[in-house]
Amino acid sequence: MQIKLVPGNSAGTVTTFYLSSQGPKHDEIDFEFLGNLSGDPYILHTNVFAQGLGNREQQFYLWFNPTLDFHTYSVLWTPNQIIFSVDGSPIRVFKNRETELGKVDSNYHYPKSQAMGVYSSLWNADDWATRGGLVKTDWTKAPFVASFRNFNAAATATSSFDAAAAEEEALESNQEQRLQWVRKNYMIYDYCGDTKRFPQGPPPECK
């Protein structure tokens, strides 16, 4: 999906592009763009839900102004892993470790058994979106407009974890380098490192 985000003072708004199933035990894969005051950078908020359980947030600044032109935001979702990409650069890889970790943590699931639809939205979330809710939406700046174009989807018939396929899907060396560059320079939050949130240690998939 190509998106051009809300320009100017977008504080309090959230622009989204996500996959989701339905029901209380839904699966979901999120791109959420948290608006900010003019001149401050957008925050790209990613999350993964499986069987209704989320709390796997990672957040990033972008290395460009996402309001000036369209940029491509992609999800590659297979039974083996989920790759979040921006303009072809991977920024996050969430691997299916259910076979390994399901015996250790009954709350660990990987989104693999529910069909998901594709959604986009622009909504007011000024109770949390900008600086934890300290900055509210300035409705004198309305209307807030984000633009979407060139949505494309491709599907395969594979539905179960495949170790051989997982090896084939591994990032190439230049992609891995780009992933590490993004994470080193632009990742601002990783739930795996949040010791206040997880004082007893991070979730098992982080280890």
N, C-alpha and C. Protein backbone atom coordinates (compact mmCIF):
# COMPACT_ATOMS: atom_id res chain seq x y z
N MET A 1 0.85 -1.19 0.00
CA MET A 1 0.00 0.00 0.00
C MET A 1 0.89 1.25 0.00
N GLN A 2 0.53 2.22 -0.85
CA GLN A 2 1.21 3.49 -0.83
C GLN A 2 0.36 4.50 -0.08
N ILE A 3 1.00 5.23 0.85
CA ILE A 3 0.28 6.17 1.71
C ILE A 3 1.04 7.48 1.77
N LYS A 4 0.30 8.59 1.72
CA LYS A 4 0.84 9.90 2.03
C LYS A 4 0.09 10.40 3.26
N LEU A 5 0.83 10.68 4.32
CA LEU A 5 0.21 10.94 5.62
C LEU A 5 -0.26 12.39 5.76
N VAL A 6 -1.05 12.62 6.80
CA VAL A 6 -1.62 13.92 7.09
C VAL A 6 -0.51 14.95 7.29
N PRO A 7 -0.49 16.04 6.54
CA PRO A 7 0.55 17.05 6.71
C PRO A 7 0.24 18.01 7.85
N GLY A 8 1.24 18.80 8.23
CA GLY A 8 1.03 19.83 9.23
C GLY A 8 0.81 19.27 10.62
N ASN A 9 -0.02 19.93 11.38
CA ASN A 9 -0.31 19.52 12.75
C ASN A 9 -1.29 18.36 12.73
N SER A 10 -0.75 17.15 12.88
CA SER A 10 -1.58 15.95 12.87
C SER A 10 -1.71 15.33 14.25
N ALA A 11 -1.32 16.08 15.29
CA ALA A 11 -1.34 15.56 16.66
C ALA A 11 -2.71 14.99 17.00
N GLY A 12 -2.69 13.84 17.65
CA GLY A 12 -3.93 13.20 18.09
C GLY A 12 -4.54 12.26 17.08
N THR A 13 -4.10 12.35 15.82
CA THR A 13 -4.66 11.47 14.79
C THR A 13 -3.83 10.21 14.63
N VAL A 14 -4.46 9.17 14.15
CA VAL A 14 -3.77 7.92 13.82
C VAL A 14 -4.25 7.48 12.44
N THR A 15 -3.30 7.31 11.53
CA THR A 15 -3.58 6.76 10.21
C THR A 15 -3.15 5.30 10.22
N THR A 16 -3.98 4.41 9.72
CA THR A 16 -3.69 2.98 9.85
C THR A 16 -3.78 2.25 8.51
N PHE A 17 -3.03 1.19 8.45
CA PHE A 17 -3.10 0.19 7.38
C PHE A 17 -2.84 -1.14 8.07
N TYR A 18 -3.82 -2.04 8.08
CA TYR A 18 -3.66 -3.24 8.89
C TYR A 18 -4.46 -4.40 8.34
N LEU A 19 -4.07 -5.59 8.77
CA LEU A 19 -4.80 -6.82 8.48
C LEU A 19 -5.46 -7.28 9.77
N SER A 20 -6.69 -7.78 9.66
CA SER A 20 -7.38 -8.23 10.87
C SER A 20 -8.46 -9.24 10.53
N SER A 21 -8.60 -10.23 11.41
CA SER A 21 -9.76 -11.11 11.39
C SER A 21 -10.81 -10.52 12.33
N GLN A 22 -11.88 -11.25 12.58
CA GLN A 22 -12.97 -10.75 13.40
C GLN A 22 -13.11 -11.59 14.68
N GLY A 23 -13.76 -11.00 15.69
CA GLY A 23 -14.06 -11.74 16.90
C GLY A 23 -13.10 -11.44 18.04
N PRO A 24 -13.45 -11.89 19.25
CA PRO A 24 -12.64 -11.57 20.44
C PRO A 24 -11.25 -12.20 20.42
N LYS A 25 -11.09 -13.29 19.68
CA LYS A 25 -9.77 -13.92 19.57
C LYS A 25 -9.20 -13.72 18.17
N HIS A 26 -9.24 -12.46 17.75
CA HIS A 26 -8.84 -12.12 16.40
C HIS A 26 -7.32 -12.09 16.25
N ASP A 27 -6.88 -12.23 15.01
CA ASP A 27 -5.49 -11.99 14.64
C ASP A 27 -5.41 -10.62 13.98
N GLU A 28 -4.24 -9.98 14.09
CA GLU A 28 -4.10 -8.63 13.52
C GLU A 28 -2.63 -8.31 13.31
N ILE A 29 -2.34 -7.61 12.22
CA ILE A 29 -0.99 -7.14 11.91
C ILE A 29 -1.11 -5.66 11.59
N ASP A 30 -0.44 -4.80 12.35
CA ASP A 30 -0.70 -3.36 12.32
C ASP A 30 0.46 -2.51 11.81
N PHE A 31 0.13 -1.59 10.91
CA PHE A 31 0.88 -0.36 10.69
C PHE A 31 0.01 0.77 11.20
N GLU A 32 0.48 1.53 12.19
CA GLU A 32 -0.25 2.69 12.68
C GLU A 32 0.72 3.88 12.72
N PHE A 33 0.27 5.00 12.18
CA PHE A 33 1.11 6.19 12.09
C PHE A 33 0.57 7.24 13.06
N LEU A 34 1.34 7.53 14.10
CA LEU A 34 0.88 8.41 15.17
C LEU A 34 1.24 9.84 14.83
N GLY A 35 0.21 10.68 14.68
CA GLY A 35 0.42 12.06 14.30
C GLY A 35 1.17 12.86 15.35
N ASN A 36 1.65 14.03 14.94
CA ASN A 36 2.43 14.85 15.85
C ASN A 36 2.28 16.32 15.49
N LEU A 37 2.86 17.17 16.33
CA LEU A 37 2.84 18.60 16.06
C LEU A 37 3.68 18.91 14.83
N SER A 38 3.36 20.00 14.16
CA SER A 38 4.12 20.39 12.97
C SER A 38 5.61 20.45 13.29
N GLY A 39 6.39 19.82 12.43
CA GLY A 39 7.84 19.84 12.61
C GLY A 39 8.38 18.67 13.38
N ASP A 40 7.54 17.98 14.14
CA ASP A 40 7.97 16.79 14.87
C ASP A 40 7.73 15.56 13.99
N PRO A 41 8.54 14.51 14.16
CA PRO A 41 8.40 13.35 13.29
C PRO A 41 7.19 12.49 13.65
N TYR A 42 6.64 11.85 12.62
CA TYR A 42 5.65 10.81 12.85
C TYR A 42 6.31 9.63 13.56
N ILE A 43 5.51 8.87 14.30
CA ILE A 43 5.95 7.61 14.87
C ILE A 43 5.19 6.49 14.17
N LEU A 44 5.93 5.53 13.64
CA LEU A 44 5.33 4.33 13.05
C LEU A 44 5.23 3.27 14.13
N HIS A 45 4.01 2.88 14.43
CA HIS A 45 3.71 1.94 15.51
C HIS A 45 3.30 0.61 14.87
N THR A 46 4.03 -0.46 15.17
CA THR A 46 3.69 -1.78 14.64
C THR A 46 3.29 -2.70 15.79
N ASN A 47 2.40 -3.65 15.46
CA ASN A 47 1.95 -4.58 16.49
C ASN A 47 1.47 -5.86 15.81
N VAL A 48 1.51 -6.95 16.57
CA VAL A 48 1.03 -8.25 16.10
C VAL A 48 0.10 -8.83 17.15
N PHE A 49 -1.11 -9.20 16.74
CA PHE A 49 -2.06 -9.89 17.61
C PHE A 49 -2.24 -11.32 17.11
N ALA A 50 -2.39 -12.24 18.04
CA ALA A 50 -2.73 -13.62 17.70
C ALA A 50 -3.65 -14.16 18.78
N GLN A 51 -4.77 -14.72 18.35
CA GLN A 51 -5.78 -15.23 19.28
C GLN A 51 -6.23 -14.16 20.29
N GLY A 52 -6.30 -12.92 19.82
CA GLY A 52 -6.77 -11.82 20.65
C GLY A 52 -5.73 -11.20 21.54
N LEU A 53 -4.52 -11.74 21.54
CA LEU A 53 -3.45 -11.24 22.40
C LEU A 53 -2.45 -10.45 21.58
N GLY A 54 -2.22 -9.18 21.97
CA GLY A 54 -1.28 -8.32 21.28
C GLY A 54 -0.10 -7.96 22.15
N ASN A 55 0.07 -6.66 22.41
CA ASN A 55 1.15 -6.18 23.28
C ASN A 55 2.53 -6.54 22.76
N ARG A 56 2.68 -6.54 21.43
CA ARG A 56 3.98 -6.83 20.83
C ARG A 56 4.42 -5.61 20.00
N GLU A 57 4.39 -4.46 20.62
CA GLU A 57 4.62 -3.22 19.91
C GLU A 57 6.11 -2.95 19.65
N GLN A 58 6.40 -2.46 18.48
CA GLN A 58 7.68 -1.83 18.18
C GLN A 58 7.37 -0.54 17.44
N GLN A 59 8.14 0.50 17.78
CA GLN A 59 7.89 1.82 17.20
C GLN A 59 9.17 2.37 16.55
N PHE A 60 8.96 3.15 15.49
CA PHE A 60 10.07 3.67 14.71
C PHE A 60 9.79 5.11 14.29
N TYR A 61 10.87 5.91 14.20
CA TYR A 61 10.81 7.12 13.40
C TYR A 61 11.07 6.72 11.95
N LEU A 62 10.61 7.55 11.03
CA LEU A 62 10.89 7.32 9.62
C LEU A 62 12.07 8.19 9.20
N TRP A 63 12.79 7.77 8.18
CA TRP A 63 14.00 8.48 7.73
C TRP A 63 13.69 9.44 6.58
N PHE A 64 12.40 9.82 6.48
CA PHE A 64 11.95 10.76 5.46
C PHE A 64 10.68 11.41 5.98
N ASN A 65 10.24 12.46 5.30
CA ASN A 65 8.99 13.12 5.65
C ASN A 65 7.84 12.39 4.94
N PRO A 66 7.00 11.67 5.66
CA PRO A 66 5.96 10.84 5.01
C PRO A 66 4.75 11.62 4.54
N THR A 67 4.79 12.95 4.71
CA THR A 67 3.65 13.78 4.28
C THR A 67 3.88 14.42 2.92
N LEU A 68 5.11 14.36 2.40
CA LEU A 68 5.44 15.07 1.16
C LEU A 68 5.13 14.26 -0.08
N ASP A 69 5.16 12.93 0.04
CA ASP A 69 4.95 12.08 -1.11
C ASP A 69 4.44 10.72 -0.64
N PHE A 70 4.05 9.90 -1.58
CA PHE A 70 3.61 8.55 -1.26
C PHE A 70 4.82 7.66 -0.99
N HIS A 71 4.68 6.80 0.02
CA HIS A 71 5.69 5.78 0.32
C HIS A 71 4.98 4.44 0.48
N THR A 72 5.73 3.37 0.25
CA THR A 72 5.15 2.03 0.21
C THR A 72 5.36 1.31 1.54
N TYR A 73 4.26 0.84 2.12
CA TYR A 73 4.28 0.11 3.39
C TYR A 73 3.73 -1.29 3.11
N SER A 74 4.54 -2.31 3.44
CA SER A 74 4.21 -3.68 3.02
C SER A 74 4.25 -4.64 4.19
N VAL A 75 3.41 -5.65 4.12
CA VAL A 75 3.42 -6.78 5.04
C VAL A 75 3.58 -8.06 4.23
N LEU A 76 4.60 -8.83 4.54
CA LEU A 76 4.75 -10.17 3.98
C LEU A 76 4.42 -11.14 5.10
N TRP A 77 3.27 -11.79 4.99
CA TRP A 77 2.77 -12.68 6.04
C TRP A 77 2.75 -14.10 5.49
N THR A 78 3.57 -14.95 6.07
CA THR A 78 3.61 -16.36 5.70
C THR A 78 3.43 -17.20 6.96
N PRO A 79 3.26 -18.51 6.83
CA PRO A 79 3.17 -19.35 8.03
C PRO A 79 4.45 -19.33 8.86
N ASN A 80 5.54 -18.81 8.30
CA ASN A 80 6.84 -18.85 8.98
C ASN A 80 7.23 -17.54 9.64
N GLN A 81 6.79 -16.42 9.07
CA GLN A 81 7.20 -15.14 9.61
C GLN A 81 6.36 -14.01 9.02
N ILE A 82 6.45 -12.86 9.70
CA ILE A 82 5.82 -11.63 9.23
C ILE A 82 6.94 -10.60 9.05
N ILE A 83 7.03 -10.01 7.86
CA ILE A 83 8.03 -8.98 7.61
C ILE A 83 7.31 -7.67 7.33
N PHE A 84 7.60 -6.66 8.14
CA PHE A 84 7.12 -5.30 7.91
C PHE A 84 8.19 -4.57 7.10
N SER A 85 7.79 -3.90 6.02
CA SER A 85 8.76 -3.19 5.18
C SER A 85 8.26 -1.79 4.85
N VAL A 86 9.22 -0.88 4.69
CA VAL A 86 8.94 0.49 4.26
C VAL A 86 9.80 0.78 3.04
N ASP A 87 9.17 1.09 1.94
CA ASP A 87 9.87 1.34 0.68
C ASP A 87 10.85 0.21 0.36
N GLY A 88 10.44 -1.02 0.63
CA GLY A 88 11.26 -2.18 0.33
C GLY A 88 12.30 -2.53 1.38
N SER A 89 12.47 -1.68 2.39
CA SER A 89 13.43 -1.96 3.46
C SER A 89 12.72 -2.65 4.62
N PRO A 90 13.14 -3.85 5.00
CA PRO A 90 12.52 -4.49 6.16
C PRO A 90 12.86 -3.73 7.43
N ILE A 91 11.84 -3.53 8.27
CA ILE A 91 12.06 -2.84 9.53
C ILE A 91 11.80 -3.75 10.73
N ARG A 92 11.05 -4.83 10.49
CA ARG A 92 10.71 -5.73 11.60
C ARG A 92 10.42 -7.11 11.04
N VAL A 93 10.92 -8.14 11.73
CA VAL A 93 10.63 -9.53 11.38
C VAL A 93 10.08 -10.21 12.64
N PHE A 94 8.87 -10.75 12.54
CA PHE A 94 8.26 -11.48 13.64
C PHE A 94 8.12 -12.93 13.20
N LYS A 95 8.87 -13.82 13.84
CA LYS A 95 8.95 -15.21 13.40
C LYS A 95 7.93 -16.09 14.13
N ASN A 96 7.49 -17.12 13.44
CA ASN A 96 6.61 -18.12 14.04
C ASN A 96 7.46 -19.08 14.88
N ARG A 97 7.34 -18.94 16.19
CA ARG A 97 8.08 -19.82 17.10
C ARG A 97 7.10 -20.64 17.95
N GLU A 98 5.91 -20.87 17.40
CA GLU A 98 4.85 -21.54 18.16
C GLU A 98 5.23 -22.97 18.53
N THR A 99 5.87 -23.69 17.61
CA THR A 99 6.28 -25.07 17.92
C THR A 99 7.24 -25.10 19.09
N GLU A 100 8.13 -24.13 19.11
CA GLU A 100 9.16 -24.06 20.16
C GLU A 100 8.62 -23.50 21.45
N LEU A 101 7.82 -22.43 21.39
CA LEU A 101 7.44 -21.70 22.60
C LEU A 101 6.06 -22.05 23.13
N GLY A 102 5.24 -22.70 22.31
CA GLY A 102 3.89 -23.03 22.76
C GLY A 102 3.86 -23.91 24.00
N LYS A 103 4.90 -24.71 24.16
CA LYS A 103 4.99 -25.58 25.34
C LYS A 103 5.46 -24.82 26.56
N VAL A 104 6.12 -23.67 26.34
CA VAL A 104 6.66 -22.87 27.44
C VAL A 104 5.67 -21.82 27.92
N ASP A 105 4.96 -21.20 26.97
CA ASP A 105 4.04 -20.11 27.28
C ASP A 105 2.74 -20.34 26.53
N SER A 106 1.69 -20.66 27.26
CA SER A 106 0.40 -20.94 26.62
C SER A 106 -0.22 -19.70 26.00
N ASN A 107 0.31 -18.52 26.34
CA ASN A 107 -0.19 -17.28 25.77
C ASN A 107 0.48 -16.91 24.46
N TYR A 108 1.51 -17.68 24.08
CA TYR A 108 2.18 -17.37 22.82
C TYR A 108 1.47 -18.04 21.66
N HIS A 109 1.07 -17.24 20.69
CA HIS A 109 0.45 -17.74 19.48
C HIS A 109 1.02 -16.98 18.28
N TYR A 110 0.87 -17.58 17.13
CA TYR A 110 1.27 -16.93 15.88
C TYR A 110 0.04 -16.87 14.98
N PRO A 111 -0.20 -15.73 14.32
CA PRO A 111 -1.40 -15.64 13.48
C PRO A 111 -1.28 -16.48 12.22
N LYS A 112 -2.00 -17.60 12.22
CA LYS A 112 -1.84 -18.53 11.10
C LYS A 112 -3.13 -19.22 10.68
N SER A 113 -4.16 -19.19 11.51
CA SER A 113 -5.34 -20.02 11.23
C SER A 113 -6.59 -19.23 10.90
N GLN A 114 -6.51 -17.90 10.88
CA GLN A 114 -7.70 -17.09 10.59
C GLN A 114 -7.44 -16.22 9.37
N ALA A 115 -8.39 -16.22 8.46
CA ALA A 115 -8.31 -15.31 7.32
C ALA A 115 -8.45 -13.87 7.80
N MET A 116 -7.66 -12.98 7.23
CA MET A 116 -7.70 -11.59 7.64
C MET A 116 -8.05 -10.70 6.45
N GLY A 117 -8.88 -9.69 6.71
CA GLY A 117 -9.16 -8.66 5.73
C GLY A 117 -8.16 -7.53 5.85
N VAL A 118 -8.15 -6.65 4.86
CA VAL A 118 -7.25 -5.51 4.84
C VAL A 118 -8.06 -4.24 5.07
N TYR A 119 -7.58 -3.38 5.96
CA TYR A 119 -8.31 -2.18 6.36
C TYR A 119 -7.38 -0.97 6.39
N SER A 120 -7.97 0.20 6.20
CA SER A 120 -7.27 1.46 6.41
C SER A 120 -8.23 2.41 7.10
N SER A 121 -7.68 3.31 7.90
CA SER A 121 -8.55 4.26 8.60
C SER A 121 -7.74 5.48 9.01
N LEU A 122 -8.47 6.53 9.35
CA LEU A 122 -7.89 7.74 9.94
C LEU A 122 -8.83 8.15 11.05
N TRP A 123 -8.33 8.16 12.29
CA TRP A 123 -9.22 8.36 13.41
C TRP A 123 -8.57 9.19 14.52
N ASN A 124 -9.42 9.68 15.40
CA ASN A 124 -8.96 10.50 16.52
C ASN A 124 -8.60 9.59 17.69
N ALA A 125 -7.34 9.67 18.12
CA ALA A 125 -6.88 8.88 19.27
C ALA A 125 -6.07 9.76 20.21
N ASP A 126 -6.60 10.97 20.46
CA ASP A 126 -5.79 11.91 21.24
C ASP A 126 -5.72 11.59 22.72
N ASP A 127 -6.34 10.47 23.12
CA ASP A 127 -6.15 10.02 24.51
C ASP A 127 -4.83 9.27 24.70
N TRP A 128 -4.15 8.92 23.58
CA TRP A 128 -2.89 8.19 23.72
C TRP A 128 -1.87 8.43 22.59
N ALA A 129 -2.31 8.89 21.44
CA ALA A 129 -1.47 8.81 20.25
C ALA A 129 -0.24 9.71 20.28
N THR A 130 -0.37 10.93 20.77
CA THR A 130 0.72 11.90 20.70
C THR A 130 1.21 12.22 22.11
N ARG A 131 2.47 11.84 22.36
CA ARG A 131 3.10 12.05 23.68
C ARG A 131 2.23 11.50 24.80
N GLY A 132 1.74 10.29 24.55
CA GLY A 132 0.96 9.60 25.57
C GLY A 132 -0.36 10.26 25.89
N GLY A 133 -0.90 11.07 24.98
CA GLY A 133 -2.17 11.74 25.21
C GLY A 133 -2.04 13.15 25.74
N LEU A 134 -0.81 13.62 25.94
CA LEU A 134 -0.63 14.98 26.46
C LEU A 134 -1.01 16.04 25.43
N VAL A 135 -0.81 15.73 24.15
CA VAL A 135 -1.14 16.68 23.09
C VAL A 135 -2.45 16.23 22.43
N LYS A 136 -3.44 17.11 22.44
CA LYS A 136 -4.76 16.77 21.92
C LYS A 136 -4.90 17.22 20.46
N THR A 137 -5.91 16.67 19.82
CA THR A 137 -6.21 17.05 18.45
C THR A 137 -6.68 18.50 18.38
N ASP A 138 -6.10 19.27 17.49
CA ASP A 138 -6.51 20.65 17.26
C ASP A 138 -7.51 20.65 16.10
N TRP A 139 -8.78 20.69 16.44
CA TRP A 139 -9.81 20.55 15.42
C TRP A 139 -9.91 21.76 14.50
N THR A 140 -9.24 22.87 14.86
CA THR A 140 -9.20 24.01 13.94
C THR A 140 -8.35 23.70 12.71
N LYS A 141 -7.54 22.61 12.78
CA LYS A 141 -6.70 22.21 11.65
C LYS A 141 -7.43 21.24 10.72
N ALA A 142 -8.63 20.84 11.07
CA ALA A 142 -9.40 19.91 10.23
C ALA A 142 -9.78 20.60 8.91
N PRO A 143 -10.00 19.82 7.84
CA PRO A 143 -10.01 18.35 7.80
C PRO A 143 -8.60 17.77 7.76
N PHE A 144 -8.46 16.59 8.34
CA PHE A 144 -7.21 15.84 8.30
C PHE A 144 -7.32 14.82 7.16
N VAL A 145 -6.38 14.86 6.24
CA VAL A 145 -6.49 14.04 5.04
C VAL A 145 -5.23 13.21 4.84
N ALA A 146 -5.40 11.90 4.75
CA ALA A 146 -4.34 10.99 4.33
C ALA A 146 -4.77 10.38 3.00
N SER A 147 -3.80 10.07 2.15
CA SER A 147 -4.11 9.55 0.82
C SER A 147 -3.54 8.15 0.66
N PHE A 148 -4.31 7.30 0.01
CA PHE A 148 -3.93 5.90 -0.20
C PHE A 148 -4.03 5.58 -1.70
N ARG A 149 -3.09 4.75 -2.18
CA ARG A 149 -3.18 4.34 -3.58
C ARG A 149 -2.38 3.05 -3.79
N ASN A 150 -2.62 2.43 -4.95
CA ASN A 150 -1.81 1.30 -5.43
C ASN A 150 -1.76 0.14 -4.44
N PHE A 151 -2.92 -0.19 -3.83
CA PHE A 151 -2.96 -1.40 -3.00
C PHE A 151 -2.78 -2.63 -3.87
N ASN A 152 -1.98 -3.55 -3.40
CA ASN A 152 -1.74 -4.78 -4.14
C ASN A 152 -1.63 -5.94 -3.16
N ALA A 153 -2.23 -7.07 -3.52
CA ALA A 153 -2.18 -8.25 -2.66
C ALA A 153 -1.90 -9.48 -3.50
N ALA A 154 -1.11 -10.39 -2.95
CA ALA A 154 -0.84 -11.67 -3.59
C ALA A 154 -0.91 -12.74 -2.52
N ALA A 155 -1.39 -13.93 -2.88
CA ALA A 155 -1.60 -14.99 -1.89
C ALA A 155 -1.03 -16.31 -2.39
N THR A 156 -0.66 -17.16 -1.43
CA THR A 156 -0.24 -18.53 -1.72
C THR A 156 -1.13 -19.48 -0.93
N ALA A 157 -1.01 -20.77 -1.24
CA ALA A 157 -1.89 -21.76 -0.61
C ALA A 157 -1.28 -22.37 0.65
N THR A 158 -0.06 -22.02 0.98
CA THR A 158 0.60 -22.61 2.15
C THR A 158 -0.09 -22.16 3.43
N SER A 159 -0.32 -23.11 4.35
CA SER A 159 -1.03 -22.76 5.58
C SER A 159 -0.38 -23.30 6.84
N SER A 160 0.74 -23.98 6.73
CA SER A 160 1.38 -24.52 7.93
C SER A 160 2.87 -24.23 7.91
N PHE A 161 3.48 -24.25 9.10
CA PHE A 161 4.90 -23.96 9.21
C PHE A 161 5.71 -24.98 8.42
N ASP A 162 6.73 -24.47 7.72
CA ASP A 162 7.58 -25.31 6.89
C ASP A 162 9.02 -24.85 7.10
N ALA A 163 9.82 -25.68 7.75
CA ALA A 163 11.19 -25.29 8.08
C ALA A 163 12.00 -24.99 6.84
N ALA A 164 11.82 -25.78 5.79
CA ALA A 164 12.57 -25.55 4.56
C ALA A 164 12.16 -24.23 3.93
N ALA A 165 10.86 -23.97 3.92
CA ALA A 165 10.38 -22.70 3.37
C ALA A 165 10.87 -21.52 4.20
N ALA A 166 10.92 -21.71 5.51
CA ALA A 166 11.39 -20.64 6.38
C ALA A 166 12.84 -20.28 6.06
N GLU A 167 13.65 -21.27 5.76
CA GLU A 167 15.03 -21.01 5.39
C GLU A 167 15.11 -20.26 4.08
N GLU A 168 14.25 -20.63 3.13
CA GLU A 168 14.23 -19.95 1.84
C GLU A 168 13.76 -18.51 1.98
N GLU A 169 12.90 -18.24 2.97
CA GLU A 169 12.35 -16.90 3.15
C GLU A 169 13.28 -15.98 3.95
N ALA A 170 14.39 -16.49 4.43
CA ALA A 170 15.31 -15.68 5.21
C ALA A 170 15.77 -14.47 4.40
N LEU A 171 15.98 -13.36 5.07
CA LEU A 171 16.42 -12.15 4.39
C LEU A 171 17.78 -12.36 3.75
N GLU A 172 17.95 -11.77 2.58
CA GLU A 172 19.26 -11.76 1.97
C GLU A 172 20.18 -10.82 2.75
N SER A 173 21.48 -10.94 2.54
CA SER A 173 22.44 -10.21 3.37
C SER A 173 22.23 -8.70 3.30
N ASN A 174 21.92 -8.17 2.12
CA ASN A 174 21.70 -6.72 2.02
C ASN A 174 20.42 -6.30 2.73
N GLN A 175 19.40 -7.18 2.71
CA GLN A 175 18.17 -6.89 3.43
C GLN A 175 18.40 -6.94 4.94
N GLU A 176 19.17 -7.91 5.39
CA GLU A 176 19.49 -8.01 6.81
C GLU A 176 20.27 -6.80 7.28
N GLN A 177 21.20 -6.32 6.47
CA GLN A 177 21.95 -5.13 6.82
C GLN A 177 21.05 -3.91 6.91
N ARG A 178 20.12 -3.82 5.97
CA ARG A 178 19.18 -2.69 6.00
C ARG A 178 18.28 -2.77 7.22
N LEU A 179 17.82 -3.97 7.56
CA LEU A 179 17.00 -4.16 8.76
C LEU A 179 17.74 -3.68 9.99
N GLN A 180 18.99 -4.09 10.13
CA GLN A 180 19.76 -3.72 11.31
C GLN A 180 20.03 -2.21 11.34
N TRP A 181 20.23 -1.62 10.17
CA TRP A 181 20.44 -0.17 10.09
C TRP A 181 19.22 0.59 10.59
N VAL A 182 18.04 0.17 10.13
CA VAL A 182 16.81 0.82 10.56
C VAL A 182 16.62 0.66 12.06
N ARG A 183 16.83 -0.53 12.55
CA ARG A 183 16.58 -0.80 13.97
C ARG A 183 17.58 -0.08 14.87
N LYS A 184 18.79 0.06 14.40
CA LYS A 184 19.82 0.76 15.19
C LYS A 184 19.56 2.26 15.23
N ASN A 185 19.13 2.83 14.12
CA ASN A 185 19.06 4.28 14.00
C ASN A 185 17.66 4.87 14.19
N TYR A 186 16.61 4.06 14.00
CA TYR A 186 15.27 4.63 13.99
C TYR A 186 14.27 3.94 14.90
N MET A 187 14.58 2.79 15.47
CA MET A 187 13.65 2.16 16.40
C MET A 187 13.70 2.89 17.74
N ILE A 188 12.55 3.30 18.24
CA ILE A 188 12.50 4.07 19.49
C ILE A 188 11.81 3.30 20.61
N TYR A 189 11.14 2.20 20.29
CA TYR A 189 10.53 1.38 21.35
C TYR A 189 10.46 -0.06 20.89
N ASP A 190 10.81 -0.97 21.80
CA ASP A 190 10.70 -2.41 21.56
C ASP A 190 10.17 -3.04 22.84
N TYR A 191 9.01 -3.67 22.75
CA TYR A 191 8.42 -4.26 23.94
C TYR A 191 9.36 -5.25 24.61
N CYS A 192 10.24 -5.87 23.85
CA CYS A 192 11.16 -6.84 24.43
C CYS A 192 12.13 -6.21 25.42
N GLY A 193 12.37 -4.90 25.29
CA GLY A 193 13.30 -4.23 26.18
C GLY A 193 12.64 -3.40 27.26
N ASP A 194 11.33 -3.53 27.43
CA ASP A 194 10.59 -2.71 28.38
C ASP A 194 10.57 -3.40 29.75
N THR A 195 11.57 -3.09 30.56
CA THR A 195 11.68 -3.74 31.87
C THR A 195 10.62 -3.27 32.86
N LYS A 196 10.09 -2.07 32.68
CA LYS A 196 9.01 -1.61 33.56
C LYS A 196 7.74 -2.40 33.29
N ARG A 197 7.51 -2.69 32.05
CA ARG A 197 6.32 -3.42 31.66
C ARG A 197 6.44 -4.90 31.99
N PHE A 198 7.65 -5.42 31.87
CA PHE A 198 7.89 -6.84 32.12
C PHE A 198 9.00 -6.99 33.16
N PRO A 199 8.71 -6.66 34.44
CA PRO A 199 9.75 -6.69 35.47
C PRO A 199 10.28 -8.10 35.75
N GLN A 200 9.51 -9.12 35.41
CA GLN A 200 9.96 -10.49 35.64
C GLN A 200 10.74 -11.04 34.45
N GLY A 201 10.97 -10.18 33.45
CA GLY A 201 11.68 -10.63 32.26
C GLY A 201 10.80 -10.54 31.04
N PRO A 202 11.38 -10.43 29.87
CA PRO A 202 10.60 -10.25 28.64
C PRO A 202 9.84 -11.50 28.26
N PRO A 203 8.84 -11.37 27.40
CA PRO A 203 8.14 -12.55 26.89
C PRO A 203 9.09 -13.53 26.25
N PRO A 204 8.73 -14.80 26.21
CA PRO A 204 9.69 -15.83 25.77
C PRO A 204 10.16 -15.66 24.33
N GLU A 205 9.34 -15.07 23.46
CA GLU A 205 9.78 -14.91 22.07
C GLU A 205 10.89 -13.89 21.93
N CYS A 206 11.12 -13.10 22.99
CA CYS A 206 12.18 -12.08 22.95
C CYS A 206 13.55 -12.67 23.27
N LYS A 207 13.57 -13.88 23.78
CA LYS A 207 14.83 -14.43 24.27
C LYS A 207 15.52 -15.23 23.17
